[in-house]
């Protein structure tokens, strides 16, 4: 699909859902790999406590965000080729012109009971992202909905392997609601 100039006045039109972006078996393999990772000081060594941007140059652990993340790459992780293929599919098929040519890396996010990420935007001076991507790896948890614009648009019925893509800019404040049961796993990446 050839990207087109943005022509809709409804911001919800730019929040795109890609169903079955990853196969359920691939999602299961990624979760199995992730569950074997230890708690660590850096995401390249295991599960790091996620930080929040407190300025354009500083990230730190705050109460604005409670979750963990770990990084995947060619030499670390499973199904990386499938994930890269999914990200390339998004890059070439997102229906609005964006000029993104690369991504920031593959993060696996883990939200346990009580974890959340309050409303925020993904693009700021320290992270000049164009498109935000979240690929759900499971759906056997409660809470954890992805919500936009102070609950004016909430995505509730996503399945494992479904991806959500939206512009990273200030027009797309979003949050992950508090997990009330189970563990929510997802892949997060940003296009540059």
N, C-alpha and C. Protein backbone atom coordinates (compact mmCIF):
# COMPACT_ATOMS: atom_id res chain seq x y z
N UNK A 1 0.85 -1.17 0.00
CA UNK A 1 0.00 0.00 0.00
C UNK A 1 0.89 1.24 0.00
N UNK A 2 0.63 2.16 -0.87
CA UNK A 2 1.38 3.41 -0.95
C UNK A 2 0.90 4.36 0.15
N UNK A 3 1.84 4.85 1.01
CA UNK A 3 1.41 5.79 2.06
C UNK A 3 0.78 7.04 1.44
N UNK A 4 -0.21 7.57 2.11
CA UNK A 4 -0.90 8.77 1.63
C UNK A 4 -0.73 9.89 2.65
N UNK A 5 -0.98 11.09 2.20
CA UNK A 5 -0.95 12.21 3.14
C UNK A 5 -2.10 12.07 4.12
N UNK A 6 -1.87 12.49 5.34
CA UNK A 6 -2.93 12.45 6.34
C UNK A 6 -4.09 13.31 5.87
N UNK A 7 -5.28 12.73 5.86
CA UNK A 7 -6.44 13.51 5.39
C UNK A 7 -7.66 13.37 6.28
N UNK A 8 -7.54 12.72 7.39
CA UNK A 8 -8.67 12.56 8.28
C UNK A 8 -8.56 13.56 9.43
N UNK A 9 -9.71 14.05 9.86
CA UNK A 9 -9.72 14.94 11.03
C UNK A 9 -10.03 14.18 12.31
N UNK A 10 -10.28 12.89 12.21
CA UNK A 10 -10.55 12.06 13.38
C UNK A 10 -9.25 11.36 13.78
N UNK A 11 -8.68 11.74 14.91
CA UNK A 11 -7.40 11.19 15.33
C UNK A 11 -7.44 9.67 15.50
N UNK A 12 -8.60 9.12 15.79
CA UNK A 12 -8.72 7.66 15.94
C UNK A 12 -8.36 6.92 14.66
N UNK A 13 -8.52 7.58 13.50
CA UNK A 13 -8.21 6.92 12.23
C UNK A 13 -6.73 6.60 12.09
N UNK A 14 -5.88 7.26 12.87
CA UNK A 14 -4.44 7.03 12.79
C UNK A 14 -3.96 5.99 13.79
N UNK A 15 -4.88 5.49 14.61
CA UNK A 15 -4.60 4.36 15.50
C UNK A 15 -5.02 3.12 14.72
N UNK A 16 -4.04 2.42 14.20
CA UNK A 16 -4.31 1.27 13.34
C UNK A 16 -4.07 -0.03 14.10
N UNK A 17 -4.97 -1.00 13.91
CA UNK A 17 -4.82 -2.32 14.50
C UNK A 17 -4.47 -3.30 13.39
N UNK A 18 -3.41 -4.05 13.59
CA UNK A 18 -2.96 -5.09 12.66
C UNK A 18 -3.24 -6.43 13.34
N UNK A 19 -4.29 -7.12 12.89
CA UNK A 19 -4.63 -8.41 13.50
C UNK A 19 -3.67 -9.49 13.01
N UNK A 20 -3.36 -10.43 13.90
CA UNK A 20 -2.51 -11.58 13.57
C UNK A 20 -1.16 -11.19 13.00
N UNK A 21 -0.57 -10.15 13.52
CA UNK A 21 0.74 -9.70 13.07
C UNK A 21 1.80 -10.76 13.38
N UNK A 22 1.65 -11.40 14.53
CA UNK A 22 2.50 -12.54 14.90
C UNK A 22 1.60 -13.74 15.17
N UNK A 23 2.07 -14.92 14.80
CA UNK A 23 1.32 -16.15 15.05
C UNK A 23 1.26 -16.44 16.55
N UNK A 24 0.18 -17.04 17.03
CA UNK A 24 0.09 -17.38 18.46
C UNK A 24 1.27 -18.21 18.96
N UNK A 25 1.75 -19.13 18.12
CA UNK A 25 2.90 -19.96 18.52
C UNK A 25 4.15 -19.10 18.71
N UNK A 26 4.32 -18.10 17.85
CA UNK A 26 5.47 -17.19 17.98
C UNK A 26 5.36 -16.41 19.28
N UNK A 27 4.16 -15.92 19.58
CA UNK A 27 3.94 -15.19 20.83
C UNK A 27 4.28 -16.05 22.03
N UNK A 28 3.84 -17.31 22.01
CA UNK A 28 4.13 -18.23 23.11
C UNK A 28 5.63 -18.45 23.27
N UNK A 29 6.36 -18.60 22.16
CA UNK A 29 7.81 -18.80 22.22
C UNK A 29 8.50 -17.58 22.83
N UNK A 30 8.05 -16.39 22.45
CA UNK A 30 8.65 -15.18 22.99
C UNK A 30 8.40 -15.08 24.49
N UNK A 31 7.18 -15.38 24.93
CA UNK A 31 6.88 -15.35 26.37
C UNK A 31 7.71 -16.38 27.12
N UNK A 32 7.84 -17.59 26.57
CA UNK A 32 8.66 -18.62 27.23
C UNK A 32 10.10 -18.13 27.40
N UNK A 33 10.65 -17.50 26.35
CA UNK A 33 12.00 -16.95 26.44
C UNK A 33 12.05 -15.85 27.52
N UNK A 34 11.07 -14.95 27.48
CA UNK A 34 11.05 -13.82 28.41
C UNK A 34 10.95 -14.28 29.86
N UNK A 35 10.15 -15.29 30.11
CA UNK A 35 9.97 -15.77 31.48
C UNK A 35 11.25 -16.37 32.06
N UNK A 36 12.19 -16.73 31.21
CA UNK A 36 13.46 -17.29 31.68
C UNK A 36 14.50 -16.22 32.00
N UNK A 37 14.20 -14.97 31.67
CA UNK A 37 15.17 -13.90 31.89
C UNK A 37 15.18 -13.51 33.37
N UNK A 38 16.37 -13.26 33.91
CA UNK A 38 16.47 -12.87 35.33
C UNK A 38 16.17 -11.38 35.51
N UNK A 39 15.92 -10.96 36.73
CA UNK A 39 15.89 -9.54 37.04
C UNK A 39 17.32 -9.04 36.89
N UNK A 40 17.48 -7.82 36.35
CA UNK A 40 18.82 -7.32 36.07
C UNK A 40 18.86 -5.80 36.18
N UNK A 41 20.08 -5.27 36.16
CA UNK A 41 20.26 -3.82 36.19
C UNK A 41 20.09 -3.18 34.82
N UNK A 42 20.28 -3.97 33.76
CA UNK A 42 20.11 -3.46 32.40
C UNK A 42 19.21 -4.40 31.62
N UNK A 43 18.46 -3.84 30.70
CA UNK A 43 17.51 -4.62 29.91
C UNK A 43 18.21 -5.59 28.97
N UNK A 44 19.48 -5.37 28.68
CA UNK A 44 20.23 -6.30 27.82
C UNK A 44 20.69 -7.53 28.58
N UNK A 45 20.54 -7.50 29.91
CA UNK A 45 20.91 -8.64 30.74
C UNK A 45 19.71 -9.37 31.33
N UNK A 46 18.53 -8.79 31.22
CA UNK A 46 17.32 -9.39 31.79
C UNK A 46 16.26 -8.33 32.01
N UNK A 47 15.39 -8.55 32.99
CA UNK A 47 14.28 -7.63 33.26
C UNK A 47 14.76 -6.43 34.06
N UNK A 48 14.72 -5.27 33.44
CA UNK A 48 15.08 -4.02 34.10
C UNK A 48 13.80 -3.30 34.51
N UNK A 49 13.82 -2.62 35.64
CA UNK A 49 12.69 -1.79 36.04
C UNK A 49 12.60 -0.64 35.02
N UNK A 50 11.43 -0.45 34.44
CA UNK A 50 11.26 0.58 33.41
C UNK A 50 11.30 1.97 34.04
N UNK A 51 11.90 2.87 33.32
CA UNK A 51 12.01 4.26 33.77
C UNK A 51 11.03 5.12 32.98
N UNK A 52 10.80 6.32 33.44
CA UNK A 52 9.97 7.29 32.73
C UNK A 52 10.81 8.53 32.48
N UNK A 53 10.52 9.22 31.38
CA UNK A 53 11.24 10.45 31.07
C UNK A 53 10.80 11.53 32.04
N UNK A 54 11.77 12.14 32.71
CA UNK A 54 11.47 13.25 33.61
C UNK A 54 11.97 14.57 33.01
N UNK A 55 12.73 14.47 31.93
CA UNK A 55 13.16 15.63 31.15
C UNK A 55 13.60 15.10 29.78
N UNK A 56 14.07 15.97 28.91
CA UNK A 56 14.54 15.52 27.61
C UNK A 56 15.83 14.73 27.68
N UNK A 57 16.51 14.78 28.81
CA UNK A 57 17.80 14.10 28.93
C UNK A 57 17.87 13.10 30.07
N UNK A 58 16.81 12.99 30.87
CA UNK A 58 16.88 12.12 32.04
C UNK A 58 15.66 11.20 32.14
N UNK A 59 15.94 9.92 32.33
CA UNK A 59 14.91 8.92 32.62
C UNK A 59 15.21 8.35 34.01
N UNK A 60 14.17 8.14 34.80
CA UNK A 60 14.39 7.51 36.09
C UNK A 60 13.13 6.77 36.52
N UNK A 61 13.28 5.91 37.50
CA UNK A 61 12.15 5.16 38.04
C UNK A 61 11.25 6.15 38.76
N UNK A 62 9.97 6.16 38.38
CA UNK A 62 8.99 7.05 39.00
C UNK A 62 7.70 6.27 39.23
N UNK A 63 6.76 6.90 39.90
CA UNK A 63 5.45 6.27 40.10
C UNK A 63 4.55 6.46 38.89
N UNK A 64 5.03 7.16 37.87
CA UNK A 64 4.26 7.35 36.65
C UNK A 64 4.19 6.05 35.83
N UNK A 65 5.19 5.19 36.06
CA UNK A 65 5.30 3.96 35.27
C UNK A 65 5.80 2.85 36.17
N UNK A 66 5.06 1.75 36.23
CA UNK A 66 5.51 0.59 36.98
C UNK A 66 5.40 -0.63 36.10
N UNK A 67 6.52 -1.13 35.65
CA UNK A 67 6.60 -2.34 34.84
C UNK A 67 8.07 -2.68 34.65
N UNK A 68 8.33 -3.75 33.91
CA UNK A 68 9.70 -4.16 33.61
C UNK A 68 9.83 -4.34 32.10
N UNK A 69 11.07 -4.26 31.61
CA UNK A 69 11.30 -4.55 30.20
C UNK A 69 12.64 -5.23 30.01
N UNK A 70 12.74 -5.95 28.90
CA UNK A 70 13.99 -6.57 28.50
C UNK A 70 14.12 -6.37 26.99
N UNK A 71 15.35 -6.37 26.53
CA UNK A 71 15.62 -6.11 25.11
C UNK A 71 15.88 -7.41 24.36
N UNK A 72 15.47 -7.41 23.09
CA UNK A 72 15.75 -8.53 22.20
C UNK A 72 16.59 -8.03 21.03
N UNK A 73 17.42 -8.91 20.52
CA UNK A 73 18.22 -8.60 19.34
C UNK A 73 18.62 -9.89 18.67
N UNK A 74 19.31 -9.78 17.55
CA UNK A 74 19.71 -10.96 16.77
C UNK A 74 20.45 -11.98 17.64
N UNK A 75 21.30 -11.50 18.56
CA UNK A 75 22.08 -12.40 19.38
C UNK A 75 21.43 -12.68 20.74
N UNK A 76 20.26 -12.12 20.95
CA UNK A 76 19.58 -12.28 22.25
C UNK A 76 18.08 -12.33 22.02
N UNK A 77 17.51 -13.49 22.20
CA UNK A 77 16.06 -13.61 22.04
C UNK A 77 15.68 -14.71 21.07
N UNK A 78 14.39 -14.86 20.88
CA UNK A 78 13.86 -15.86 19.97
C UNK A 78 12.90 -15.17 19.01
N UNK A 79 12.72 -15.77 17.86
CA UNK A 79 11.74 -15.29 16.87
C UNK A 79 12.03 -13.86 16.42
N UNK A 80 13.27 -13.41 16.53
CA UNK A 80 13.61 -12.04 16.16
C UNK A 80 13.30 -11.79 14.69
N UNK A 81 13.56 -12.77 13.83
CA UNK A 81 13.25 -12.58 12.40
C UNK A 81 11.77 -12.35 12.17
N UNK A 82 10.92 -13.07 12.89
CA UNK A 82 9.46 -12.88 12.77
C UNK A 82 9.06 -11.49 13.23
N UNK A 83 9.67 -11.02 14.32
CA UNK A 83 9.36 -9.69 14.83
C UNK A 83 9.83 -8.63 13.84
N UNK A 84 11.04 -8.78 13.33
CA UNK A 84 11.57 -7.83 12.34
C UNK A 84 10.67 -7.79 11.10
N UNK A 85 10.19 -8.94 10.67
CA UNK A 85 9.28 -9.01 9.52
C UNK A 85 7.98 -8.25 9.82
N UNK A 86 7.46 -8.42 11.03
CA UNK A 86 6.23 -7.71 11.43
C UNK A 86 6.46 -6.21 11.45
N UNK A 87 7.61 -5.76 11.96
CA UNK A 87 7.91 -4.34 12.01
C UNK A 87 8.07 -3.77 10.60
N UNK A 88 8.68 -4.54 9.71
CA UNK A 88 8.83 -4.09 8.33
C UNK A 88 7.45 -3.99 7.65
N UNK A 89 6.57 -4.94 7.95
CA UNK A 89 5.21 -4.91 7.41
C UNK A 89 4.51 -3.62 7.85
N UNK A 90 4.64 -3.27 9.11
CA UNK A 90 4.04 -2.03 9.61
C UNK A 90 4.64 -0.82 8.91
N UNK A 91 5.95 -0.80 8.80
CA UNK A 91 6.63 0.34 8.17
C UNK A 91 6.12 0.57 6.75
N UNK A 92 5.90 -0.49 6.01
CA UNK A 92 5.48 -0.34 4.61
C UNK A 92 3.97 -0.26 4.43
N UNK A 93 3.19 -0.66 5.43
CA UNK A 93 1.74 -0.70 5.26
C UNK A 93 0.95 0.29 6.10
N UNK A 94 1.61 0.99 7.03
CA UNK A 94 0.88 2.00 7.80
C UNK A 94 0.35 3.01 6.78
N UNK A 95 -0.95 3.29 6.79
CA UNK A 95 -1.58 3.98 5.66
C UNK A 95 -1.32 5.48 5.51
N UNK A 96 -0.57 6.08 6.39
CA UNK A 96 -0.31 7.52 6.30
C UNK A 96 1.18 7.76 6.16
N UNK A 97 1.51 8.75 5.38
CA UNK A 97 2.92 9.06 5.13
C UNK A 97 3.63 9.32 6.45
N UNK A 98 4.79 8.68 6.63
CA UNK A 98 5.51 8.85 7.88
C UNK A 98 7.02 8.96 7.70
N UNK A 99 7.56 8.46 6.63
CA UNK A 99 9.00 8.54 6.32
C UNK A 99 9.90 7.82 7.32
N UNK A 100 9.37 6.93 8.12
CA UNK A 100 10.20 6.16 9.05
C UNK A 100 11.00 5.13 8.28
N UNK A 101 12.26 4.98 8.66
CA UNK A 101 13.13 4.04 7.94
C UNK A 101 13.77 3.00 8.85
N UNK A 102 13.66 3.17 10.16
CA UNK A 102 14.30 2.25 11.10
C UNK A 102 13.47 2.20 12.38
N UNK A 103 13.84 1.28 13.28
CA UNK A 103 13.18 1.24 14.58
C UNK A 103 14.21 1.29 15.69
N UNK A 104 13.73 1.56 16.90
CA UNK A 104 14.60 1.80 18.05
C UNK A 104 15.13 0.53 18.70
N UNK A 105 14.59 -0.60 18.34
CA UNK A 105 14.95 -1.86 18.99
C UNK A 105 13.69 -2.52 19.50
N UNK A 106 13.82 -3.78 19.87
CA UNK A 106 12.67 -4.58 20.29
C UNK A 106 12.69 -4.72 21.80
N UNK A 107 11.68 -4.15 22.44
CA UNK A 107 11.52 -4.28 23.88
C UNK A 107 10.38 -5.25 24.17
N UNK A 108 10.58 -6.11 25.15
CA UNK A 108 9.49 -6.94 25.67
C UNK A 108 9.11 -6.31 27.01
N UNK A 109 7.84 -5.95 27.13
CA UNK A 109 7.34 -5.32 28.34
C UNK A 109 6.60 -6.36 29.18
N UNK A 110 6.76 -6.26 30.48
CA UNK A 110 6.06 -7.15 31.42
C UNK A 110 5.34 -6.29 32.45
N UNK A 111 4.02 -6.37 32.40
CA UNK A 111 3.17 -5.67 33.38
C UNK A 111 2.55 -6.72 34.29
N UNK A 112 2.92 -6.71 35.57
CA UNK A 112 2.38 -7.65 36.54
C UNK A 112 1.23 -6.98 37.30
N UNK A 113 0.55 -7.72 38.16
CA UNK A 113 -0.58 -7.18 38.91
C UNK A 113 -0.14 -5.89 39.62
N UNK A 114 -0.94 -4.84 39.44
CA UNK A 114 -0.65 -3.54 40.03
C UNK A 114 0.18 -2.63 39.15
N UNK A 115 0.75 -3.16 38.07
CA UNK A 115 1.57 -2.34 37.17
C UNK A 115 0.71 -1.55 36.19
N UNK A 116 1.25 -0.44 35.73
CA UNK A 116 0.53 0.47 34.82
C UNK A 116 1.55 1.40 34.18
N UNK A 117 1.09 2.20 33.23
CA UNK A 117 1.87 3.31 32.68
C UNK A 117 0.89 4.44 32.46
N UNK A 118 0.96 5.45 33.31
CA UNK A 118 0.02 6.57 33.24
C UNK A 118 0.14 7.29 31.90
N UNK A 119 -0.85 8.12 31.60
CA UNK A 119 -0.91 8.79 30.30
C UNK A 119 0.38 9.55 30.00
N UNK A 120 0.86 9.37 28.78
CA UNK A 120 2.12 9.96 28.33
C UNK A 120 2.14 10.02 26.81
N UNK A 121 3.14 10.67 26.26
CA UNK A 121 3.38 10.61 24.82
C UNK A 121 4.75 9.99 24.61
N UNK A 122 4.99 9.46 23.42
CA UNK A 122 6.23 8.74 23.16
C UNK A 122 7.31 9.58 22.49
N UNK A 123 6.96 10.72 21.96
CA UNK A 123 7.92 11.59 21.28
C UNK A 123 8.26 12.78 22.18
N UNK A 124 9.53 12.96 22.45
CA UNK A 124 9.98 14.12 23.21
C UNK A 124 11.42 14.39 22.79
N UNK A 125 12.01 15.45 23.28
CA UNK A 125 13.34 15.85 22.84
C UNK A 125 14.40 14.77 22.94
N UNK A 126 14.29 13.90 23.93
CA UNK A 126 15.25 12.83 24.10
C UNK A 126 14.91 11.57 23.32
N UNK A 127 13.76 11.54 22.68
CA UNK A 127 13.32 10.37 21.92
C UNK A 127 12.41 10.84 20.79
N UNK A 128 13.00 11.16 19.69
CA UNK A 128 12.25 11.73 18.57
C UNK A 128 11.68 10.63 17.69
N UNK A 129 10.67 9.98 18.20
CA UNK A 129 10.02 8.84 17.55
C UNK A 129 8.92 9.32 16.62
N UNK A 130 8.64 8.53 15.57
CA UNK A 130 7.60 8.87 14.60
C UNK A 130 6.35 8.02 14.81
N UNK A 131 6.52 6.70 14.85
CA UNK A 131 5.39 5.78 15.04
C UNK A 131 5.64 4.93 16.27
N UNK A 132 4.62 4.71 17.07
CA UNK A 132 4.67 3.84 18.23
C UNK A 132 4.00 2.51 17.87
N UNK A 133 4.63 1.41 18.30
CA UNK A 133 4.13 0.08 17.96
C UNK A 133 4.05 -0.75 19.23
N UNK A 134 2.92 -1.39 19.43
CA UNK A 134 2.75 -2.31 20.54
C UNK A 134 2.12 -3.59 19.99
N UNK A 135 2.79 -4.72 20.18
CA UNK A 135 2.27 -6.01 19.72
C UNK A 135 1.98 -6.86 20.95
N UNK A 136 0.74 -7.18 21.15
CA UNK A 136 0.32 -7.96 22.31
C UNK A 136 0.78 -9.41 22.16
N UNK A 137 1.36 -9.97 23.22
CA UNK A 137 1.84 -11.34 23.18
C UNK A 137 0.90 -12.32 23.87
N UNK A 138 0.00 -11.83 24.71
CA UNK A 138 -0.96 -12.70 25.38
C UNK A 138 -2.21 -11.89 25.70
N UNK A 139 -3.27 -12.60 26.08
CA UNK A 139 -4.49 -11.90 26.49
C UNK A 139 -5.14 -12.58 27.69
N UNK A 140 -4.35 -13.39 28.42
CA UNK A 140 -4.88 -14.08 29.60
C UNK A 140 -4.57 -13.29 30.88
N UNK A 141 -5.03 -12.06 30.91
CA UNK A 141 -4.87 -11.18 32.06
C UNK A 141 -6.09 -10.26 32.10
N UNK A 142 -6.24 -9.53 33.18
CA UNK A 142 -7.34 -8.56 33.29
C UNK A 142 -6.75 -7.18 33.56
N UNK A 143 -7.46 -6.17 33.08
CA UNK A 143 -6.93 -4.81 33.13
C UNK A 143 -5.96 -4.65 31.97
N UNK A 144 -5.07 -3.67 32.07
CA UNK A 144 -4.02 -3.52 31.08
C UNK A 144 -4.44 -3.02 29.72
N UNK A 145 -5.64 -2.42 29.63
CA UNK A 145 -6.09 -1.92 28.33
C UNK A 145 -5.23 -0.75 27.90
N UNK A 146 -5.03 -0.62 26.59
CA UNK A 146 -4.37 0.54 26.02
C UNK A 146 -5.46 1.57 25.76
N UNK A 147 -5.28 2.76 26.34
CA UNK A 147 -6.33 3.78 26.29
C UNK A 147 -5.73 5.10 25.83
N UNK A 148 -6.48 5.84 25.02
CA UNK A 148 -6.05 7.12 24.49
C UNK A 148 -6.95 8.24 24.99
N UNK A 149 -6.40 9.44 25.08
CA UNK A 149 -7.15 10.66 25.34
C UNK A 149 -8.04 10.56 26.57
N UNK A 150 -7.43 10.22 27.69
CA UNK A 150 -8.14 10.14 28.97
C UNK A 150 -9.39 9.28 28.86
N UNK A 151 -9.20 8.10 28.35
CA UNK A 151 -10.24 7.06 28.24
C UNK A 151 -11.29 7.33 27.17
N UNK A 152 -11.04 8.23 26.27
CA UNK A 152 -12.02 8.49 25.20
C UNK A 152 -11.98 7.42 24.11
N UNK A 153 -10.86 6.67 24.03
CA UNK A 153 -10.72 5.60 23.03
C UNK A 153 -9.90 4.49 23.68
N UNK A 154 -10.55 3.41 24.08
CA UNK A 154 -9.88 2.31 24.77
C UNK A 154 -9.96 1.06 23.92
N UNK A 155 -8.82 0.38 23.77
CA UNK A 155 -8.76 -0.86 22.99
C UNK A 155 -8.86 -2.03 23.96
N UNK A 156 -9.95 -2.78 23.86
CA UNK A 156 -10.22 -3.83 24.85
C UNK A 156 -10.11 -5.25 24.32
N UNK A 157 -10.36 -5.47 23.06
CA UNK A 157 -10.52 -6.85 22.59
C UNK A 157 -9.42 -7.26 21.63
N UNK A 158 -8.19 -7.01 22.01
CA UNK A 158 -7.06 -7.43 21.20
C UNK A 158 -6.68 -8.85 21.58
N UNK A 159 -6.16 -9.58 20.60
CA UNK A 159 -5.72 -10.95 20.81
C UNK A 159 -4.21 -11.03 20.74
N UNK A 160 -3.64 -12.12 21.24
CA UNK A 160 -2.20 -12.33 21.13
C UNK A 160 -1.82 -12.28 19.66
N UNK A 161 -0.78 -11.51 19.36
CA UNK A 161 -0.31 -11.35 17.99
C UNK A 161 -0.83 -10.12 17.30
N UNK A 162 -1.81 -9.43 17.89
CA UNK A 162 -2.34 -8.20 17.30
C UNK A 162 -1.41 -7.03 17.64
N UNK A 163 -1.25 -6.14 16.67
CA UNK A 163 -0.42 -4.96 16.88
C UNK A 163 -1.23 -3.69 16.79
N UNK A 164 -0.84 -2.69 17.56
CA UNK A 164 -1.45 -1.37 17.53
C UNK A 164 -0.35 -0.39 17.13
N UNK A 165 -0.65 0.46 16.15
CA UNK A 165 0.33 1.43 15.66
C UNK A 165 -0.33 2.80 15.63
N UNK A 166 0.40 3.81 16.09
CA UNK A 166 -0.13 5.17 16.11
C UNK A 166 1.03 6.16 16.11
N UNK A 167 0.76 7.40 15.70
CA UNK A 167 1.83 8.41 15.73
C UNK A 167 2.32 8.63 17.17
N UNK A 168 3.59 8.88 17.30
CA UNK A 168 4.20 9.05 18.62
C UNK A 168 4.06 10.47 19.16
N UNK A 169 3.52 11.37 18.38
CA UNK A 169 3.54 12.79 18.73
C UNK A 169 2.54 13.17 19.83
N UNK A 170 2.54 14.45 20.16
CA UNK A 170 1.76 14.97 21.29
C UNK A 170 0.25 14.83 21.12
N UNK A 171 -0.22 14.53 19.92
CA UNK A 171 -1.66 14.35 19.71
C UNK A 171 -2.15 12.99 20.18
N UNK A 172 -1.24 12.10 20.61
CA UNK A 172 -1.61 10.73 20.96
C UNK A 172 -1.21 10.37 22.40
N UNK A 173 -1.70 11.12 23.39
CA UNK A 173 -1.44 10.70 24.76
C UNK A 173 -2.17 9.37 25.01
N UNK A 174 -1.48 8.45 25.65
CA UNK A 174 -2.04 7.11 25.87
C UNK A 174 -1.52 6.55 27.18
N UNK A 175 -2.16 5.49 27.63
CA UNK A 175 -1.75 4.85 28.87
C UNK A 175 -2.05 3.36 28.82
N UNK A 176 -1.39 2.62 29.69
CA UNK A 176 -1.72 1.21 29.92
C UNK A 176 -2.36 1.16 31.29
N UNK A 177 -3.61 0.73 31.32
CA UNK A 177 -4.36 0.66 32.57
C UNK A 177 -3.75 -0.37 33.53
N UNK A 178 -4.05 -0.25 34.79
CA UNK A 178 -3.52 -1.14 35.82
C UNK A 178 -3.92 -2.59 35.57
N UNK A 179 -2.96 -3.48 35.70
CA UNK A 179 -3.22 -4.92 35.61
C UNK A 179 -3.87 -5.37 36.91
N UNK A 180 -4.99 -6.05 36.81
CA UNK A 180 -5.69 -6.52 38.00
C UNK A 180 -5.57 -8.02 38.21
N UNK A 181 -5.18 -8.76 37.16
CA UNK A 181 -5.02 -10.20 37.27
C UNK A 181 -4.11 -10.69 36.15
N UNK A 182 -3.17 -11.58 36.48
CA UNK A 182 -2.28 -12.14 35.47
C UNK A 182 -1.12 -11.22 35.14
N UNK A 183 -0.46 -11.53 34.01
CA UNK A 183 0.70 -10.76 33.54
C UNK A 183 0.47 -10.41 32.08
N UNK A 184 0.67 -9.16 31.74
CA UNK A 184 0.54 -8.67 30.36
C UNK A 184 1.93 -8.57 29.75
N UNK A 185 2.13 -9.29 28.63
CA UNK A 185 3.39 -9.21 27.88
C UNK A 185 3.11 -8.57 26.53
N UNK A 186 3.98 -7.68 26.11
CA UNK A 186 3.85 -7.10 24.78
C UNK A 186 5.23 -6.69 24.26
N UNK A 187 5.31 -6.58 22.96
CA UNK A 187 6.48 -6.04 22.29
C UNK A 187 6.22 -4.56 22.07
N UNK A 188 7.21 -3.74 22.32
CA UNK A 188 7.11 -2.32 22.04
C UNK A 188 8.33 -1.91 21.21
N UNK A 189 8.06 -1.11 20.18
CA UNK A 189 9.14 -0.54 19.36
C UNK A 189 8.64 0.79 18.82
N UNK A 190 9.58 1.61 18.43
CA UNK A 190 9.22 2.90 17.84
C UNK A 190 9.96 3.05 16.52
N UNK A 191 9.25 3.55 15.52
CA UNK A 191 9.86 3.83 14.22
C UNK A 191 10.46 5.22 14.24
N UNK A 192 11.62 5.35 13.63
CA UNK A 192 12.33 6.62 13.53
C UNK A 192 12.36 7.07 12.07
